[in-house]
Amino acid sequence: MRRAQNSKNKREHGNSTRKPRVYDKVLVRLQPSSDAIAGVTGKFIGPFEGPYVIDTLKPLSTIEGCDSNIKIKRVI
């Protein structure tokens, strides 16, 4: 009975307890899209972009970050 309850809790709440903090480095998951003119298919494009440094944390899982090299602001 206890195992079933643990499985249910993981499905409902996820199994990640990581809380992002300001100045943490994060990667952003991309949706791969093909570019036929350049000859690139979606399966050869990397799944992540970054690293970005977290500037501010906002409510509703919104994070503002900036690129560590170019200093471009982006909502992550």
N, C-alpha and C. Protein backbone atom coordinates (compact mmCIF):
# COMPACT_ATOMS: atom_id res chain seq x y z
N MET A 1 0.82 -1.19 0.00
CA MET A 1 0.00 0.00 0.00
C MET A 1 0.86 1.26 0.00
N ARG A 2 1.97 1.23 0.75
CA ARG A 2 2.85 2.38 0.84
C ARG A 2 3.54 2.66 -0.50
N ARG A 3 3.93 1.61 -1.21
CA ARG A 3 4.57 1.79 -2.53
C ARG A 3 3.61 2.44 -3.51
N ALA A 4 2.37 2.04 -3.49
CA ALA A 4 1.37 2.63 -4.39
C ALA A 4 1.20 4.11 -4.08
N GLN A 5 1.19 4.46 -2.82
CA GLN A 5 1.05 5.87 -2.43
C GLN A 5 2.27 6.68 -2.87
N ASN A 6 3.47 6.11 -2.73
CA ASN A 6 4.68 6.80 -3.18
C ASN A 6 4.67 7.02 -4.69
N SER A 7 4.24 6.03 -5.45
CA SER A 7 4.16 6.18 -6.91
C SER A 7 3.17 7.26 -7.28
N LYS A 8 2.04 7.29 -6.60
CA LYS A 8 1.03 8.30 -6.88
C LYS A 8 1.57 9.70 -6.58
N ASN A 9 2.29 9.87 -5.49
CA ASN A 9 2.85 11.17 -5.15
C ASN A 9 3.87 11.63 -6.18
N LYS A 10 4.69 10.72 -6.69
CA LYS A 10 5.68 11.09 -7.71
C LYS A 10 5.00 11.53 -8.99
N ARG A 11 3.92 10.86 -9.37
CA ARG A 11 3.20 11.25 -10.58
C ARG A 11 2.56 12.62 -10.43
N GLU A 12 2.01 12.89 -9.27
CA GLU A 12 1.30 14.15 -9.06
C GLU A 12 2.24 15.33 -8.87
N HIS A 13 3.34 15.11 -8.17
CA HIS A 13 4.20 16.23 -7.79
C HIS A 13 5.56 16.21 -8.48
N GLY A 14 5.84 15.22 -9.28
CA GLY A 14 7.17 15.10 -9.88
C GLY A 14 8.17 14.59 -8.86
N ASN A 15 9.36 14.28 -9.33
CA ASN A 15 10.36 13.76 -8.40
C ASN A 15 11.54 14.71 -8.27
N SER A 16 11.38 15.94 -8.72
CA SER A 16 12.44 16.92 -8.60
C SER A 16 12.17 17.85 -7.43
N THR A 17 13.15 17.99 -6.58
CA THR A 17 13.03 18.90 -5.45
C THR A 17 13.94 20.11 -5.64
N ARG A 18 14.47 20.29 -6.83
CA ARG A 18 15.40 21.39 -7.11
C ARG A 18 14.64 22.71 -7.21
N LYS A 19 15.11 23.70 -6.47
CA LYS A 19 14.54 25.04 -6.52
C LYS A 19 15.58 25.97 -7.13
N PRO A 20 15.26 26.64 -8.23
CA PRO A 20 16.25 27.55 -8.84
C PRO A 20 16.49 28.76 -7.95
N ARG A 21 17.73 29.25 -7.99
CA ARG A 21 18.11 30.42 -7.22
C ARG A 21 18.74 31.44 -8.16
N VAL A 22 18.81 32.67 -7.73
CA VAL A 22 19.42 33.73 -8.52
C VAL A 22 20.90 33.40 -8.70
N TYR A 23 21.42 33.65 -9.89
CA TYR A 23 22.81 33.42 -10.31
C TYR A 23 23.12 31.95 -10.58
N ASP A 24 22.12 31.08 -10.57
CA ASP A 24 22.34 29.70 -11.03
C ASP A 24 22.43 29.70 -12.55
N LYS A 25 23.17 28.75 -13.09
CA LYS A 25 23.23 28.58 -14.53
C LYS A 25 22.24 27.51 -14.94
N VAL A 26 21.47 27.78 -16.00
CA VAL A 26 20.46 26.85 -16.47
C VAL A 26 20.56 26.69 -17.98
N LEU A 27 20.07 25.55 -18.46
CA LEU A 27 19.93 25.30 -19.90
C LEU A 27 18.46 25.37 -20.25
N VAL A 28 18.16 25.81 -21.48
CA VAL A 28 16.79 25.92 -21.94
C VAL A 28 16.56 24.85 -23.00
N ARG A 29 15.50 24.07 -22.84
CA ARG A 29 15.18 23.03 -23.82
C ARG A 29 14.55 23.67 -25.06
N LEU A 30 15.04 23.29 -26.23
CA LEU A 30 14.54 23.82 -27.50
C LEU A 30 13.66 22.82 -28.20
N GLN A 31 12.77 23.32 -29.02
CA GLN A 31 12.00 22.47 -29.92
C GLN A 31 12.78 22.40 -31.23
N PRO A 32 13.35 21.26 -31.60
CA PRO A 32 14.14 21.21 -32.83
C PRO A 32 13.27 21.44 -34.06
N SER A 33 13.75 22.28 -34.94
CA SER A 33 13.03 22.54 -36.18
C SER A 33 14.00 22.42 -37.34
N SER A 34 13.54 21.84 -38.41
CA SER A 34 14.39 21.62 -39.58
C SER A 34 14.55 22.90 -40.39
N ASP A 35 15.68 22.99 -41.07
CA ASP A 35 15.94 24.09 -41.99
C ASP A 35 16.41 23.47 -43.29
N ALA A 36 15.48 23.25 -44.22
CA ALA A 36 15.77 22.54 -45.45
C ALA A 36 16.75 23.30 -46.34
N ILE A 37 16.68 24.62 -46.33
CA ILE A 37 17.55 25.41 -47.19
C ILE A 37 19.01 25.27 -46.74
N ALA A 38 19.23 25.27 -45.45
CA ALA A 38 20.59 25.11 -44.93
C ALA A 38 21.02 23.65 -44.91
N GLY A 39 20.11 22.73 -45.14
CA GLY A 39 20.43 21.31 -45.15
C GLY A 39 20.55 20.71 -43.76
N VAL A 40 19.84 21.26 -42.80
CA VAL A 40 19.89 20.77 -41.42
C VAL A 40 18.54 20.18 -41.07
N THR A 41 18.56 18.96 -40.55
CA THR A 41 17.32 18.35 -40.09
C THR A 41 17.23 18.48 -38.57
N GLY A 42 16.02 18.37 -38.05
CA GLY A 42 15.79 18.58 -36.63
C GLY A 42 16.54 17.61 -35.74
N LYS A 43 16.82 16.41 -36.21
CA LYS A 43 17.47 15.44 -35.34
C LYS A 43 18.95 15.75 -35.10
N PHE A 44 19.53 16.66 -35.90
CA PHE A 44 20.93 17.02 -35.71
C PHE A 44 21.10 18.32 -34.94
N ILE A 45 20.01 18.92 -34.50
CA ILE A 45 20.09 20.15 -33.72
C ILE A 45 20.11 19.78 -32.25
N GLY A 46 20.97 20.44 -31.48
CA GLY A 46 21.07 20.16 -30.05
C GLY A 46 19.77 20.45 -29.32
N PRO A 47 19.45 19.67 -28.30
CA PRO A 47 18.17 19.86 -27.60
C PRO A 47 18.17 21.02 -26.60
N PHE A 48 19.33 21.59 -26.29
CA PHE A 48 19.40 22.64 -25.27
C PHE A 48 20.12 23.87 -25.81
N GLU A 49 19.82 25.01 -25.20
CA GLU A 49 20.46 26.26 -25.52
C GLU A 49 20.92 26.89 -24.21
N GLY A 50 22.07 27.52 -24.22
CA GLY A 50 22.51 28.17 -23.00
C GLY A 50 23.99 27.97 -22.79
N PRO A 51 24.51 28.15 -21.65
CA PRO A 51 23.87 28.37 -20.36
C PRO A 51 23.44 29.82 -20.17
N TYR A 52 22.35 29.99 -19.44
CA TYR A 52 21.86 31.30 -19.05
C TYR A 52 22.03 31.44 -17.54
N VAL A 53 22.27 32.65 -17.10
CA VAL A 53 22.39 32.94 -15.67
C VAL A 53 21.07 33.55 -15.22
N ILE A 54 20.49 33.03 -14.15
CA ILE A 54 19.20 33.51 -13.66
C ILE A 54 19.39 34.88 -13.01
N ASP A 55 18.63 35.87 -13.50
CA ASP A 55 18.67 37.22 -12.94
C ASP A 55 17.61 37.40 -11.87
N THR A 56 16.36 37.12 -12.23
CA THR A 56 15.26 37.30 -11.29
C THR A 56 14.31 36.12 -11.37
N LEU A 57 13.69 35.81 -10.26
CA LEU A 57 12.65 34.79 -10.19
C LEU A 57 11.31 35.49 -10.05
N LYS A 58 10.37 35.11 -10.90
CA LYS A 58 9.04 35.70 -10.86
C LYS A 58 8.03 34.61 -10.55
N PRO A 59 6.83 34.97 -10.13
CA PRO A 59 5.83 33.94 -9.83
C PRO A 59 5.40 33.18 -11.09
N LEU A 60 4.75 32.05 -10.88
CA LEU A 60 4.21 31.20 -11.95
C LEU A 60 5.31 30.59 -12.81
N SER A 61 6.39 30.16 -12.20
CA SER A 61 7.48 29.44 -12.87
C SER A 61 8.13 30.24 -13.98
N THR A 62 8.16 31.55 -13.88
CA THR A 62 8.82 32.39 -14.86
C THR A 62 10.16 32.82 -14.31
N ILE A 63 11.19 32.68 -15.14
CA ILE A 63 12.54 33.04 -14.73
C ILE A 63 13.11 33.96 -15.79
N GLU A 64 13.72 35.07 -15.38
CA GLU A 64 14.43 35.93 -16.31
C GLU A 64 15.91 35.60 -16.21
N GLY A 65 16.54 35.46 -17.35
CA GLY A 65 17.95 35.14 -17.35
C GLY A 65 18.66 35.90 -18.44
N CYS A 66 19.99 35.86 -18.41
CA CYS A 66 20.76 36.50 -19.46
C CYS A 66 21.87 35.56 -19.88
N ASP A 67 22.27 35.69 -21.13
CA ASP A 67 23.36 34.89 -21.67
C ASP A 67 24.65 35.33 -21.00
N SER A 68 25.49 34.40 -20.63
CA SER A 68 26.70 34.76 -19.91
C SER A 68 27.71 35.48 -20.80
N ASN A 69 27.63 35.31 -22.13
CA ASN A 69 28.60 35.94 -23.02
C ASN A 69 28.09 37.25 -23.60
N ILE A 70 26.86 37.27 -24.10
CA ILE A 70 26.37 38.42 -24.86
C ILE A 70 25.48 39.33 -24.02
N LYS A 71 25.06 38.89 -22.85
CA LYS A 71 24.20 39.68 -21.95
C LYS A 71 22.85 40.00 -22.58
N ILE A 72 22.22 39.02 -23.18
CA ILE A 72 20.88 39.19 -23.75
C ILE A 72 19.88 38.70 -22.72
N LYS A 73 18.91 39.55 -22.41
CA LYS A 73 17.83 39.17 -21.48
C LYS A 73 16.87 38.22 -22.16
N ARG A 74 16.36 37.27 -21.43
CA ARG A 74 15.42 36.31 -21.99
C ARG A 74 14.57 35.74 -20.86
N VAL A 75 13.30 35.53 -21.18
CA VAL A 75 12.42 34.86 -20.22
C VAL A 75 12.59 33.37 -20.43
N ILE A 76 12.98 32.66 -19.38
CA ILE A 76 13.27 31.24 -19.49
C ILE A 76 12.06 30.46 -19.03
